[in-house]
Amino acid sequence: MNGAKNWFFADGYLPAKTGSGAMESHEALMLFNTLPDQVAVRLDIYFSDRPPIRDIRLTVPGERVISLRLDHPDDIGGAVIPALTQYALRVRADHEIVVQFGRLDVTQPNLSYYVGVGYHE
């Protein structure tokens, strides 16, 4: 097995943008395809206070990893995730992939990096 086709991440909450340091607060979704052929992916974003954004179409090239900055609309099909808003992600792939979620928070002096463990099936 090389991952799973369905992944879920329940704890999304983009940190606020602060300062102009070398590092910028953000969240990212890493999609890792170990197969030789590309994999088609659909991303759904669910919110606590508004309807979901569904079927954002992405492609992961064969034997590659891509990192999607969730604060960069161009990385996620033009979708906008507002800062300081609770959201969750569903990732659906047409073949098995490995998915990881991460958050870099530099809004306080001791920066933190958080890796969210996803549920998959």
PDB file of N, CA and C in Angstrom:
ATOM      1  N   MET A   1       0.842  -1.184   0.000  1.00  0.00           N
ATOM      2  CA  MET A   1       0.000   0.000   0.000  1.00  0.00           C
ATOM      3  C   MET A   1       0.886   1.245   0.000  1.00  0.00           C
ATOM      4  N   ASN A   2       0.528   2.223  -0.814  1.00  0.00           N
ATOM      5  CA  ASN A   2       1.288   3.469  -0.926  1.00  0.00           C
ATOM      6  C   ASN A   2       0.440   4.654  -0.498  1.00  0.00           C
ATOM      7  N   GLY A   3      -0.195   4.591   0.665  1.00  0.00           N
ATOM      8  CA  GLY A   3      -1.042   5.677   1.137  1.00  0.00           C
ATOM      9  C   GLY A   3      -2.498   5.281   1.102  1.00  0.00           C
ATOM     10  N   ALA A   4      -3.355   6.261   0.781  1.00  0.00           N
ATOM     11  CA  ALA A   4      -4.795   6.033   0.745  1.00  0.00           C
ATOM     12  C   ALA A   4      -5.420   6.966  -0.286  1.00  0.00           C
ATOM     13  N   LYS A   5      -6.667   6.706  -0.635  1.00  0.00           N
ATOM     14  CA  LYS A   5      -7.370   7.536  -1.613  1.00  0.00           C
ATOM     15  C   LYS A   5      -8.143   8.682  -0.968  1.00  0.00           C
ATOM     16  N   ASN A   6      -8.538   8.526   0.295  1.00  0.00           N
ATOM     17  CA  ASN A   6      -9.339   9.548   0.985  1.00  0.00           C
ATOM     18  C   ASN A   6      -8.652   9.964   2.277  1.00  0.00           C
ATOM     19  N   TRP A   7      -8.456  11.269   2.430  1.00  0.00           N
ATOM     20  CA  TRP A   7      -7.782  11.833   3.599  1.00  0.00           C
ATOM     21  C   TRP A   7      -8.638  12.947   4.187  1.00  0.00           C
ATOM     22  N   PHE A   8      -8.593  13.092   5.529  1.00  0.00           N
ATOM     23  CA  PHE A   8      -9.383  14.109   6.225  1.00  0.00           C
ATOM     24  C   PHE A   8      -8.510  14.794   7.275  1.00  0.00           C
ATOM     25  N   PHE A   9      -8.599  16.120   7.319  1.00  0.00           N
ATOM     26  CA  PHE A   9      -7.868  16.928   8.299  1.00  0.00           C
ATOM     27  C   PHE A   9      -8.867  17.895   8.926  1.00  0.00           C
ATOM     28  N   ALA A  10      -9.129  17.723  10.210  1.00  0.00           N
ATOM     29  CA  ALA A  10     -10.212  18.467  10.857  1.00  0.00           C
ATOM     30  C   ALA A  10      -9.768  19.779  11.488  1.00  0.00           C
ATOM     31  N   ASP A  11      -8.475  20.021  11.652  1.00  0.00           N
ATOM     32  CA  ASP A  11      -8.020  21.187  12.421  1.00  0.00           C
ATOM     33  C   ASP A  11      -7.310  22.213  11.565  1.00  0.00           C
ATOM     34  N   GLY A  12      -8.044  22.919  10.715  1.00  0.00           N
ATOM     35  CA  GLY A  12      -7.470  24.018   9.951  1.00  0.00           C
ATOM     36  C   GLY A  12      -7.826  25.340  10.601  1.00  0.00           C
ATOM     37  N   TYR A  13      -6.853  26.247  10.702  1.00  0.00           N
ATOM     38  CA  TYR A  13      -7.071  27.572  11.300  1.00  0.00           C
ATOM     39  C   TYR A  13      -5.860  28.419  10.933  1.00  0.00           C
ATOM     40  N   LEU A  14      -5.921  29.100   9.800  1.00  0.00           N
ATOM     41  CA  LEU A  14      -4.765  29.873   9.322  1.00  0.00           C
ATOM     42  C   LEU A  14      -4.359  30.932  10.335  1.00  0.00           C
ATOM     43  N   PRO A  15      -3.088  30.971  10.725  1.00  0.00           N
ATOM     44  CA  PRO A  15      -2.626  32.024  11.628  1.00  0.00           C
ATOM     45  C   PRO A  15      -2.688  33.401  10.947  1.00  0.00           C
ATOM     46  N   ALA A  16      -2.797  34.427  11.758  1.00  0.00           N
ATOM     47  CA  ALA A  16      -2.790  35.806  11.235  1.00  0.00           C
ATOM     48  C   ALA A  16      -1.406  36.126  10.684  1.00  0.00           C
ATOM     49  N   LYS A  17      -1.353  37.009   9.685  1.00  0.00           N
ATOM     50  CA  LYS A  17      -0.076  37.486   9.149  1.00  0.00           C
ATOM     51  C   LYS A  17       0.429  38.609  10.050  1.00  0.00           C
ATOM     52  N   THR A  18       1.663  38.487  10.480  1.00  0.00           N
ATOM     53  CA  THR A  18       2.253  39.504  11.354  1.00  0.00           C
ATOM     54  C   THR A  18       3.670  39.803  10.906  1.00  0.00           C
ATOM     55  N   GLY A  19       4.071  41.048  11.062  1.00  0.00           N
ATOM     56  CA  GLY A  19       5.452  41.444  10.828  1.00  0.00           C
ATOM     57  C   GLY A  19       5.957  41.161   9.427  1.00  0.00           C
ATOM     58  N   SER A  20       7.235  41.392   9.268  1.00  0.00           N
ATOM     59  CA  SER A  20       7.876  41.180   7.971  1.00  0.00           C
ATOM     60  C   SER A  20       9.175  40.397   8.144  1.00  0.00           C
ATOM     61  N   GLY A  21       9.146  39.393   8.999  1.00  0.00           N
ATOM     62  CA  GLY A  21      10.332  38.587   9.250  1.00  0.00           C
ATOM     63  C   GLY A  21      10.634  37.653   8.097  1.00  0.00           C
ATOM     64  N   ALA A  22      11.672  36.854   8.287  1.00  0.00           N
ATOM     65  CA  ALA A  22      12.104  35.920   7.250  1.00  0.00           C
ATOM     66  C   ALA A  22      11.107  34.781   7.063  1.00  0.00           C
ATOM     67  N   MET A  23      10.319  34.489   8.097  1.00  0.00           N
ATOM     68  CA  MET A  23       9.343  33.407   8.008  1.00  0.00           C
ATOM     69  C   MET A  23       7.942  33.988   8.117  1.00  0.00           C
ATOM     70  N   GLU A  24       7.001  33.359   7.405  1.00  0.00           N
ATOM     71  CA  GLU A  24       5.631  33.841   7.358  1.00  0.00           C
ATOM     72  C   GLU A  24       4.699  32.738   7.864  1.00  0.00           C
ATOM     73  N   SER A  25       3.790  33.093   8.765  1.00  0.00           N
ATOM     74  CA  SER A  25       2.814  32.121   9.247  1.00  0.00           C
ATOM     75  C   SER A  25       1.993  31.595   8.081  1.00  0.00           C
ATOM     76  N   HIS A  26       1.751  30.292   8.087  1.00  0.00           N
ATOM     77  CA  HIS A  26       0.933  29.691   7.030  1.00  0.00           C
ATOM     78  C   HIS A  26       0.581  28.259   7.395  1.00  0.00           C
ATOM     79  N   GLU A  27      -0.313  27.671   6.615  1.00  0.00           N
ATOM     80  CA  GLU A  27      -0.586  26.252   6.658  1.00  0.00           C
ATOM     81  C   GLU A  27      -0.342  25.694   5.264  1.00  0.00           C
ATOM     82  N   ALA A  28       0.033  24.437   5.211  1.00  0.00           N
ATOM     83  CA  ALA A  28       0.337  23.812   3.925  1.00  0.00           C
ATOM     84  C   ALA A  28      -0.173  22.381   3.920  1.00  0.00           C
ATOM     85  N   LEU A  29      -0.451  21.898   2.720  1.00  0.00           N
ATOM     86  CA  LEU A  29      -0.879  20.528   2.509  1.00  0.00           C
ATOM     87  C   LEU A  29       0.123  19.906   1.544  1.00  0.00           C
ATOM     88  N   MET A  30       0.762  18.825   1.968  1.00  0.00           N
ATOM     89  CA  MET A  30       1.742  18.142   1.143  1.00  0.00           C
ATOM     90  C   MET A  30       1.115  16.868   0.585  1.00  0.00           C
ATOM     91  N   LEU A  31       1.214  16.688  -0.737  1.00  0.00           N
ATOM     92  CA  LEU A  31       0.657  15.534  -1.426  1.00  0.00           C
ATOM     93  C   LEU A  31       1.820  14.755  -2.050  1.00  0.00           C
ATOM     94  N   PHE A  32       1.979  13.503  -1.666  1.00  0.00           N
ATOM     95  CA  PHE A  32       3.122  12.689  -2.067  1.00  0.00           C
ATOM     96  C   PHE A  32       2.624  11.495  -2.879  1.00  0.00           C
ATOM     97  N   ASN A  33       3.056  11.420  -4.130  1.00  0.00           N
ATOM     98  CA  ASN A  33       2.669  10.360  -5.050  1.00  0.00           C
ATOM     99  C   ASN A  33       3.885   9.478  -5.314  1.00  0.00           C
ATOM    100  N   THR A  34       3.841   8.234  -4.845  1.00  0.00           N
ATOM    101  CA  THR A  34       4.955   7.311  -5.078  1.00  0.00           C
ATOM    102  C   THR A  34       4.808   6.517  -6.368  1.00  0.00           C
ATOM    103  N   LEU A  35       3.658   6.661  -7.016  1.00  0.00           N
ATOM    104  CA  LEU A  35       3.408   5.915  -8.251  1.00  0.00           C
ATOM    105  C   LEU A  35       4.100   6.573  -9.441  1.00  0.00           C
ATOM    106  N   PRO A  36       4.387   5.826 -10.505  1.00  0.00           N
ATOM    107  CA  PRO A  36       5.064   6.410 -11.664  1.00  0.00           C
ATOM    108  C   PRO A  36       4.178   7.351 -12.485  1.00  0.00           C
ATOM    109  N   ASP A  37       2.855   7.195 -12.402  1.00  0.00           N
ATOM    110  CA  ASP A  37       1.938   8.032 -13.179  1.00  0.00           C
ATOM    111  C   ASP A  37       1.327   9.122 -12.307  1.00  0.00           C
ATOM    112  N   GLN A  38       0.868  10.193 -12.942  1.00  0.00           N
ATOM    113  CA  GLN A  38       0.246  11.283 -12.200  1.00  0.00           C
ATOM    114  C   GLN A  38      -1.060  10.816 -11.560  1.00  0.00           C
ATOM    115  N   VAL A  39      -1.452  11.511 -10.495  1.00  0.00           N
ATOM    116  CA  VAL A  39      -2.679  11.198  -9.771  1.00  0.00           C
ATOM    117  C   VAL A  39      -3.558  12.445  -9.755  1.00  0.00           C
ATOM    118  N   ALA A  40      -4.825  12.263 -10.107  1.00  0.00           N
ATOM    119  CA  ALA A  40      -5.805  13.354 -10.033  1.00  0.00           C
ATOM    120  C   ALA A  40      -6.354  13.425  -8.614  1.00  0.00           C
ATOM    121  N   VAL A  41      -6.460  14.654  -8.093  1.00  0.00           N
ATOM    122  CA  VAL A  41      -6.891  14.883  -6.716  1.00  0.00           C
ATOM    123  C   VAL A  41      -8.005  15.928  -6.711  1.00  0.00           C
ATOM    124  N   ARG A  42      -8.978  15.743  -5.823  1.00  0.00           N
ATOM    125  CA  ARG A  42     -10.006  16.752  -5.580  1.00  0.00           C
ATOM    126  C   ARG A  42      -9.938  17.145  -4.115  1.00  0.00           C
ATOM    127  N   LEU A  43      -9.928  18.444  -3.872  1.00  0.00           N
ATOM    128  CA  LEU A  43      -9.834  19.002  -2.527  1.00  0.00           C
ATOM    129  C   LEU A  43     -11.155  19.679  -2.183  1.00  0.00           C
ATOM    130  N   ASP A  44     -11.690  19.387  -0.994  1.00  0.00           N
ATOM    131  CA  ASP A  44     -12.893  20.041  -0.476  1.00  0.00           C
ATOM    132  C   ASP A  44     -12.516  20.757   0.816  1.00  0.00           C
ATOM    133  N   ILE A  45     -13.011  21.979   0.971  1.00  0.00           N
ATOM    134  CA  ILE A  45     -12.743  22.780   2.167  1.00  0.00           C
ATOM    135  C   ILE A  45     -14.069  23.027   2.871  1.00  0.00           C
ATOM    136  N   TYR A  46     -14.164  22.620   4.132  1.00  0.00           N
ATOM    137  CA  TYR A  46     -15.375  22.777   4.929  1.00  0.00           C
ATOM    138  C   TYR A  46     -15.127  23.830   6.012  1.00  0.00           C
ATOM    139  N   PHE A  47     -16.143  24.644   6.278  1.00  0.00           N
ATOM    140  CA  PHE A  47     -16.037  25.719   7.266  1.00  0.00           C
ATOM    141  C   PHE A  47     -17.062  25.530   8.380  1.00  0.00           C
ATOM    142  N   SER A  48     -16.857  26.190   9.489  1.00  0.00           N
ATOM    143  CA  SER A  48     -17.819  26.139  10.590  1.00  0.00           C
ATOM    144  C   SER A  48     -18.950  27.145  10.396  1.00  0.00           C
ATOM    145  N   ASP A  49     -18.744  28.136   9.511  1.00  0.00           N
ATOM    146  CA  ASP A  49     -19.719  29.233   9.420  1.00  0.00           C
ATOM    147  C   ASP A  49     -20.193  29.552   8.006  1.00  0.00           C
ATOM    148  N   ARG A  50     -19.894  28.693   7.023  1.00  0.00           N
ATOM    149  CA  ARG A  50     -20.283  28.950   5.624  1.00  0.00           C
ATOM    150  C   ARG A  50     -20.286  27.640   4.842  1.00  0.00           C
ATOM    151  N   PRO A  51     -20.897  27.646   3.658  1.00  0.00           N
ATOM    152  CA  PRO A  51     -20.910  26.419   2.849  1.00  0.00           C
ATOM    153  C   PRO A  51     -19.499  26.016   2.403  1.00  0.00           C
ATOM    154  N   PRO A  52     -19.311  24.731   2.134  1.00  0.00           N
ATOM    155  CA  PRO A  52     -17.987  24.261   1.698  1.00  0.00           C
ATOM    156  C   PRO A  52     -17.638  24.713   0.286  1.00  0.00           C
ATOM    157  N   ILE A  53     -16.359  24.680   0.000  1.00  0.00           N
ATOM    158  CA  ILE A  53     -15.829  24.843  -1.352  1.00  0.00           C
ATOM    159  C   ILE A  53     -15.445  23.437  -1.791  1.00  0.00           C
ATOM    160  N   ARG A  54     -16.047  22.952  -2.861  1.00  0.00           N
ATOM    161  CA  ARG A  54     -15.855  21.553  -3.258  1.00  0.00           C
ATOM    162  C   ARG A  54     -15.170  21.406  -4.617  1.00  0.00           C
ATOM    163  N   ASP A  55     -14.552  20.263  -4.773  1.00  0.00           N
ATOM    164  CA  ASP A  55     -14.009  19.801  -6.059  1.00  0.00           C
ATOM    165  C   ASP A  55     -12.943  20.715  -6.656  1.00  0.00           C
ATOM    166  N   ILE A  56     -12.031  21.178  -5.818  1.00  0.00           N
ATOM    167  CA  ILE A  56     -10.852  21.876  -6.340  1.00  0.00           C
ATOM    168  C   ILE A  56      -9.965  20.802  -6.955  1.00  0.00           C
ATOM    169  N   ARG A  57      -9.711  20.905  -8.235  1.00  0.00           N
ATOM    170  CA  ARG A  57      -8.986  19.853  -8.957  1.00  0.00           C
ATOM    171  C   ARG A  57      -7.486  20.150  -8.996  1.00  0.00           C
ATOM    172  N   LEU A  58      -6.721  19.131  -8.642  1.00  0.00           N
ATOM    173  CA  LEU A  58      -5.267  19.220  -8.587  1.00  0.00           C
ATOM    174  C   LEU A  58      -4.675  17.980  -9.236  1.00  0.00           C
ATOM    175  N   THR A  59      -3.421  18.059  -9.616  1.00  0.00           N
ATOM    176  CA  THR A  59      -2.701  16.920 -10.165  1.00  0.00           C
ATOM    177  C   THR A  59      -1.363  16.802  -9.458  1.00  0.00           C
ATOM    178  N   VAL A  60      -1.028  15.585  -9.062  1.00  0.00           N
ATOM    179  CA  VAL A  60       0.283  15.315  -8.467  1.00  0.00           C
ATOM    180  C   VAL A  60       1.059  14.469  -9.469  1.00  0.00           C
ATOM    181  N   PRO A  61       2.160  14.994 -10.009  1.00  0.00           N
ATOM    182  CA  PRO A  61       2.954  14.227 -10.977  1.00  0.00           C
ATOM    183  C   PRO A  61       3.473  12.922 -10.368  1.00  0.00           C
ATOM    184  N   GLY A  62       3.805  11.971 -11.244  1.00  0.00           N
ATOM    185  CA  GLY A  62       4.339  10.691 -10.799  1.00  0.00           C
ATOM    186  C   GLY A  62       5.642  10.843 -10.035  1.00  0.00           C
ATOM    187  N   GLU A  63       5.758  10.101  -8.929  1.00  0.00           N
ATOM    188  CA  GLU A  63       6.956  10.058  -8.091  1.00  0.00           C
ATOM    189  C   GLU A  63       7.413  11.447  -7.658  1.00  0.00           C
ATOM    190  N   ARG A  64       6.443  12.255  -7.256  1.00  0.00           N
ATOM    191  CA  ARG A  64       6.723  13.637  -6.822  1.00  0.00           C
ATOM    192  C   ARG A  64       5.922  13.967  -5.570  1.00  0.00           C
ATOM    193  N   VAL A  65       6.330  15.027  -4.910  1.00  0.00           N
ATOM    194  CA  VAL A  65       5.583  15.619  -3.800  1.00  0.00           C
ATOM    195  C   VAL A  65       5.307  17.071  -4.175  1.00  0.00           C
ATOM    196  N   ILE A  66       4.102  17.536  -3.901  1.00  0.00           N
ATOM    197  CA  ILE A  66       3.792  18.953  -4.094  1.00  0.00           C
ATOM    198  C   ILE A  66       3.325  19.516  -2.761  1.00  0.00           C
ATOM    199  N   SER A  67       3.632  20.767  -2.540  1.00  0.00           N
ATOM    200  CA  SER A  67       3.228  21.460  -1.326  1.00  0.00           C
ATOM    201  C   SER A  67       2.311  22.607  -1.716  1.00  0.00           C
ATOM    202  N   LEU A  68       1.127  22.613  -1.135  1.00  0.00           N
ATOM    203  CA  LEU A  68       0.132  23.647  -1.413  1.00  0.00           C
ATOM    204  C   LEU A  68       0.049  24.581  -0.222  1.00  0.00           C
ATOM    205  N   ARG A  69       0.376  25.848  -0.431  1.00  0.00           N
ATOM    206  CA  ARG A  69       0.205  26.845   0.628  1.00  0.00           C
ATOM    207  C   ARG A  69      -1.271  27.198   0.689  1.00  0.00           C
ATOM    208  N   LEU A  70      -1.907  26.938   1.815  1.00  0.00           N
ATOM    209  CA  LEU A  70      -3.341  27.147   1.936  1.00  0.00           C
ATOM    210  C   LEU A  70      -3.718  28.614   2.089  1.00  0.00           C
ATOM    211  N   ASP A  71      -2.724  29.475   2.253  1.00  0.00           N
ATOM    212  CA  ASP A  71      -2.967  30.923   2.269  1.00  0.00           C
ATOM    213  C   ASP A  71      -2.701  31.550   0.903  1.00  0.00           C
ATOM    214  N   HIS A  72      -2.377  30.739  -0.087  1.00  0.00           N
ATOM    215  CA  HIS A  72      -2.143  31.206  -1.457  1.00  0.00           C
ATOM    216  C   HIS A  72      -3.256  30.667  -2.360  1.00  0.00           C
ATOM    217  N   PRO A  73      -4.246  31.482  -2.686  1.00  0.00           N
ATOM    218  CA  PRO A  73      -5.359  31.010  -3.520  1.00  0.00           C
ATOM    219  C   PRO A  73      -4.911  30.348  -4.822  1.00  0.00           C
ATOM    220  N   ASP A  74      -3.826  30.813  -5.423  1.00  0.00           N
ATOM    221  CA  ASP A  74      -3.359  30.212  -6.679  1.00  0.00           C
ATOM    222  C   ASP A  74      -2.980  28.742  -6.506  1.00  0.00           C
ATOM    223  N   ASP A  75      -2.587  28.332  -5.306  1.00  0.00           N
ATOM    224  CA  ASP A  75      -2.220  26.942  -5.056  1.00  0.00           C
ATOM    225  C   ASP A  75      -3.444  26.036  -4.930  1.00  0.00           C
ATOM    226  N   ILE A  76      -4.599  26.630  -4.599  1.00  0.00           N
ATOM    227  CA  ILE A  76      -5.797  25.824  -4.322  1.00  0.00           C
ATOM    228  C   ILE A  76      -6.976  26.267  -5.196  1.00  0.00           C
ATOM    229  N   GLY A  77      -6.710  26.393  -6.487  1.00  0.00           N
ATOM    230  CA  GLY A  77      -7.763  26.647  -7.454  1.00  0.00           C
ATOM    231  C   GLY A  77      -8.486  27.971  -7.301  1.00  0.00           C
ATOM    232  N   GLY A  78      -7.832  28.969  -6.710  1.00  0.00           N
ATOM    233  CA  GLY A  78      -8.445  30.283  -6.533  1.00  0.00           C
ATOM    234  C   GLY A  78      -9.280  30.413  -5.272  1.00  0.00           C
ATOM    235  N   ALA A  79      -9.421  29.347  -4.510  1.00  0.00           N
ATOM    236  CA  ALA A  79     -10.213  29.401  -3.270  1.00  0.00           C
ATOM    237  C   ALA A  79      -9.501  30.259  -2.231  1.00  0.00           C
ATOM    238  N   VAL A  80     -10.290  30.961  -1.437  1.00  0.00           N
ATOM    239  CA  VAL A  80      -9.745  31.799  -0.373  1.00  0.00           C
ATOM    240  C   VAL A  80     -10.184  31.231   0.971  1.00  0.00           C
ATOM    241  N   ILE A  81      -9.213  30.932   1.803  1.00  0.00           N
ATOM    242  CA  ILE A  81      -9.474  30.527   3.183  1.00  0.00           C
ATOM    243  C   ILE A  81      -9.113  31.720   4.058  1.00  0.00           C
ATOM    244  N   PRO A  82     -10.085  32.349   4.703  1.00  0.00           N
ATOM    245  CA  PRO A  82      -9.771  33.515   5.533  1.00  0.00           C
ATOM    246  C   PRO A  82      -8.922  33.123   6.745  1.00  0.00           C
ATOM    247  N   ALA A  83      -8.030  34.018   7.130  1.00  0.00           N
ATOM    248  CA  ALA A  83      -7.252  33.800   8.355  1.00  0.00           C
ATOM    249  C   ALA A  83      -8.196  33.778   9.556  1.00  0.00           C
ATOM    250  N   LEU A  84      -7.790  33.047  10.579  1.00  0.00           N
ATOM    251  CA  LEU A  84      -8.515  32.980  11.849  1.00  0.00           C
ATOM    252  C   LEU A  84      -9.934  32.450  11.679  1.00  0.00           C
ATOM    253  N   THR A  85     -10.110  31.513  10.741  1.00  0.00           N
ATOM    254  CA  THR A  85     -11.396  30.870  10.493  1.00  0.00           C
ATOM    255  C   THR A  85     -11.207  29.358  10.572  1.00  0.00           C
ATOM    256  N   GLN A  86     -12.043  28.702  11.366  1.00  0.00           N
ATOM    257  CA  GLN A  86     -11.970  27.243  11.488  1.00  0.00           C
ATOM    258  C   GLN A  86     -12.386  26.591  10.172  1.00  0.00           C
ATOM    259  N   TYR A  87     -11.604  25.609   9.724  1.00  0.00           N
ATOM    260  CA  TYR A  87     -11.959  24.860   8.519  1.00  0.00           C
ATOM    261  C   TYR A  87     -11.404  23.449   8.616  1.00  0.00           C
ATOM    262  N   ALA A  88     -11.881  22.585   7.732  1.00  0.00           N
ATOM    263  CA  ALA A  88     -11.413  21.205   7.647  1.00  0.00           C
ATOM    264  C   ALA A  88     -11.224  20.867   6.171  1.00  0.00           C
ATOM    265  N   LEU A  89     -10.421  19.838   5.908  1.00  0.00           N
ATOM    266  CA  LEU A  89     -10.107  19.454   4.532  1.00  0.00           C
ATOM    267  C   LEU A  89     -10.462  17.996   4.278  1.00  0.00           C
ATOM    268  N   ARG A  90     -10.946  17.745   3.071  1.00  0.00           N
ATOM    269  CA  ARG A  90     -11.092  16.381   2.569  1.00  0.00           C
ATOM    270  C   ARG A  90     -10.315  16.312   1.262  1.00  0.00           C
ATOM    271  N   VAL A  91      -9.455  15.303   1.129  1.00  0.00           N
ATOM    272  CA  VAL A  91      -8.658  15.090  -0.073  1.00  0.00           C
ATOM    273  C   VAL A  91      -9.075  13.743  -0.650  1.00  0.00           C
ATOM    274  N   ARG A  92      -9.483  13.753  -1.930  1.00  0.00           N
ATOM    275  CA  ARG A  92      -9.887  12.525  -2.611  1.00  0.00           C
ATOM    276  C   ARG A  92      -9.003  12.352  -3.839  1.00  0.00           C
ATOM    277  N   ALA A  93      -8.352  11.201  -3.931  1.00  0.00           N
ATOM    278  CA  ALA A  93      -7.428  10.930  -5.036  1.00  0.00           C
ATOM    279  C   ALA A  93      -7.904   9.711  -5.815  1.00  0.00           C
ATOM    280  N   ASP A  94      -7.578   9.672  -7.104  1.00  0.00           N
ATOM    281  CA  ASP A  94      -8.004   8.518  -7.899  1.00  0.00           C
ATOM    282  C   ASP A  94      -7.085   7.306  -7.712  1.00  0.00           C
ATOM    283  N   HIS A  95      -5.939   7.484  -7.064  1.00  0.00           N
ATOM    284  CA  HIS A  95      -5.042   6.398  -6.670  1.00  0.00           C
ATOM    285  C   HIS A  95      -4.467   6.750  -5.310  1.00  0.00           C
ATOM    286  N   GLU A  96      -3.848   5.799  -4.663  1.00  0.00           N
ATOM    287  CA  GLU A  96      -3.319   6.016  -3.320  1.00  0.00           C
ATOM    288  C   GLU A  96      -2.177   7.030  -3.314  1.00  0.00           C
ATOM    289  N   ILE A  97      -2.247   7.987  -2.366  1.00  0.00           N
ATOM    290  CA  ILE A  97      -1.185   8.960  -2.122  1.00  0.00           C
ATOM    291  C   ILE A  97      -1.016   9.111  -0.615  1.00  0.00           C
ATOM    292  N   VAL A  98       0.040   9.791  -0.221  1.00  0.00           N
ATOM    293  CA  VAL A  98       0.258  10.134   1.185  1.00  0.00           C
ATOM    294  C   VAL A  98       0.059  11.639   1.312  1.00  0.00           C
ATOM    295  N   VAL A  99      -0.686  12.059   2.335  1.00  0.00           N
ATOM    296  CA  VAL A  99      -1.002  13.474   2.524  1.00  0.00           C
ATOM    297  C   VAL A  99      -0.631  13.871   3.944  1.00  0.00           C
ATOM    298  N   GLN A 100      -0.029  15.047   4.073  1.00  0.00           N
ATOM    299  CA  GLN A 100       0.324  15.580   5.385  1.00  0.00           C
ATOM    300  C   GLN A 100      -0.060  17.046   5.436  1.00  0.00           C
ATOM    301  N   PHE A 101      -0.459  17.498   6.612  1.00  0.00           N
ATOM    302  CA  PHE A 101      -0.874  18.874   6.848  1.00  0.00           C
ATOM    303  C   PHE A 101       0.092  19.500   7.842  1.00  0.00           C
ATOM    304  N   GLY A 102       0.503  20.750   7.611  1.00  0.00           N
ATOM    305  CA  GLY A 102       1.403  21.414   8.542  1.00  0.00           C
ATOM    306  C   GLY A 102       1.056  22.886   8.729  1.00  0.00           C
ATOM    307  N   ARG A 103       1.387  23.408   9.890  1.00  0.00           N
ATOM    308  CA  ARG A 103       1.153  24.824  10.212  1.00  0.00           C
ATOM    309  C   ARG A 103       2.425  25.424  10.794  1.00  0.00           C
ATOM    310  N   LEU A 104       2.830  26.568  10.259  1.00  0.00           N
ATOM    311  CA  LEU A 104       3.918  27.361  10.828  1.00  0.00           C
ATOM    312  C   LEU A 104       3.286  28.602  11.427  1.00  0.00           C
ATOM    313  N   ASP A 105       3.509  28.812  12.720  1.00  0.00           N
ATOM    314  CA  ASP A 105       2.918  29.956  13.425  1.00  0.00           C
ATOM    315  C   ASP A 105       4.046  30.802  14.005  1.00  0.00           C
ATOM    316  N   VAL A 106       4.201  32.004  13.458  1.00  0.00           N
ATOM    317  CA  VAL A 106       5.227  32.931  13.960  1.00  0.00           C
ATOM    318  C   VAL A 106       4.570  34.170  14.573  1.00  0.00           C
ATOM    319  N   THR A 107       3.331  34.009  15.052  1.00  0.00           N
ATOM    320  CA  THR A 107       2.610  35.151  15.625  1.00  0.00           C
ATOM    321  C   THR A 107       3.054  35.465  17.046  1.00  0.00           C
ATOM    322  N   GLN A 108       3.928  34.658  17.609  1.00  0.00           N
ATOM    323  CA  GLN A 108       4.474  34.898  18.941  1.00  0.00           C
ATOM    324  C   GLN A 108       5.980  34.626  18.902  1.00  0.00           C
ATOM    325  N   PRO A 109       6.735  35.091  19.909  1.00  0.00           N
ATOM    326  CA  PRO A 109       8.211  35.014  19.835  1.00  0.00           C
ATOM    327  C   PRO A 109       8.767  33.607  19.627  1.00  0.00           C
ATOM    328  N   ASN A 110       8.149  32.601  20.197  1.00  0.00           N
ATOM    329  CA  ASN A 110       8.626  31.227  20.044  1.00  0.00           C
ATOM    330  C   ASN A 110       7.848  30.568  18.919  1.00  0.00           C
ATOM    331  N   LEU A 111       8.368  30.660  17.711  1.00  0.00           N
ATOM    332  CA  LEU A 111       7.634  30.113  16.575  1.00  0.00           C
ATOM    333  C   LEU A 111       7.344  28.636  16.797  1.00  0.00           C
ATOM    334  N   SER A 112       6.288  28.166  16.177  1.00  0.00           N
ATOM    335  CA  SER A 112       5.953  26.758  16.308  1.00  0.00           C
ATOM    336  C   SER A 112       5.611  26.181  14.945  1.00  0.00           C
ATOM    337  N   TYR A 113       5.933  24.897  14.796  1.00  0.00           N
ATOM    338  CA  TYR A 113       5.531  24.167  13.597  1.00  0.00           C
ATOM    339  C   TYR A 113       4.707  22.991  14.071  1.00  0.00           C
ATOM    340  N   TYR A 114       3.541  22.857  13.523  1.00  0.00           N
ATOM    341  CA  TYR A 114       2.572  21.857  13.938  1.00  0.00           C
ATOM    342  C   TYR A 114       2.263  20.964  12.749  1.00  0.00           C
ATOM    343  N   VAL A 115       2.333  19.676  12.956  1.00  0.00           N
ATOM    344  CA  VAL A 115       1.979  18.726  11.898  1.00  0.00           C
ATOM    345  C   VAL A 115       0.677  18.050  12.315  1.00  0.00           C
ATOM    346  N   GLY A 116      -0.334  18.165  11.451  1.00  0.00           N
ATOM    347  CA  GLY A 116      -1.618  17.548  11.741  1.00  0.00           C
ATOM    348  C   GLY A 116      -1.685  16.158  11.150  1.00  0.00           C
ATOM    349  N   VAL A 117      -1.999  15.195  11.984  1.00  0.00           N
ATOM    350  CA  VAL A 117      -2.129  13.824  11.523  1.00  0.00           C
ATOM    351  C   VAL A 117      -3.535  13.651  10.964  1.00  0.00           C
ATOM    352  N   GLY A 118      -3.618  13.216   9.743  1.00  0.00           N
ATOM    353  CA  GLY A 118      -4.909  13.057   9.100  1.00  0.00           C
ATOM    354  C   GLY A 118      -5.479  11.661   9.280  1.00  0.00           C
ATOM    355  N   TYR A 119      -6.773  11.580   9.132  1.00  0.00           N
ATOM    356  CA  TYR A 119      -7.471  10.292   9.100  1.00  0.00           C
ATOM    357  C   TYR A 119      -7.564   9.884   7.635  1.00  0.00           C
ATOM    358  N   HIS A 120      -7.328   8.631   7.342  1.00  0.00           N
ATOM    359  CA  HIS A 120      -7.447   8.170   5.958  1.00  0.00           C
ATOM    360  C   HIS A 120      -8.206   6.870   5.888  1.00  0.00           C
ATOM    361  N   GLU A 121      -8.777   6.613   4.702  1.00  0.00           N
ATOM    362  CA  GLU A 121      -9.457   5.342   4.470  1.00  0.00           C
ATOM    363  C   GLU A 121      -9.334   4.961   3.018  1.00  0.00           C
TER     364      GLU A 121
END
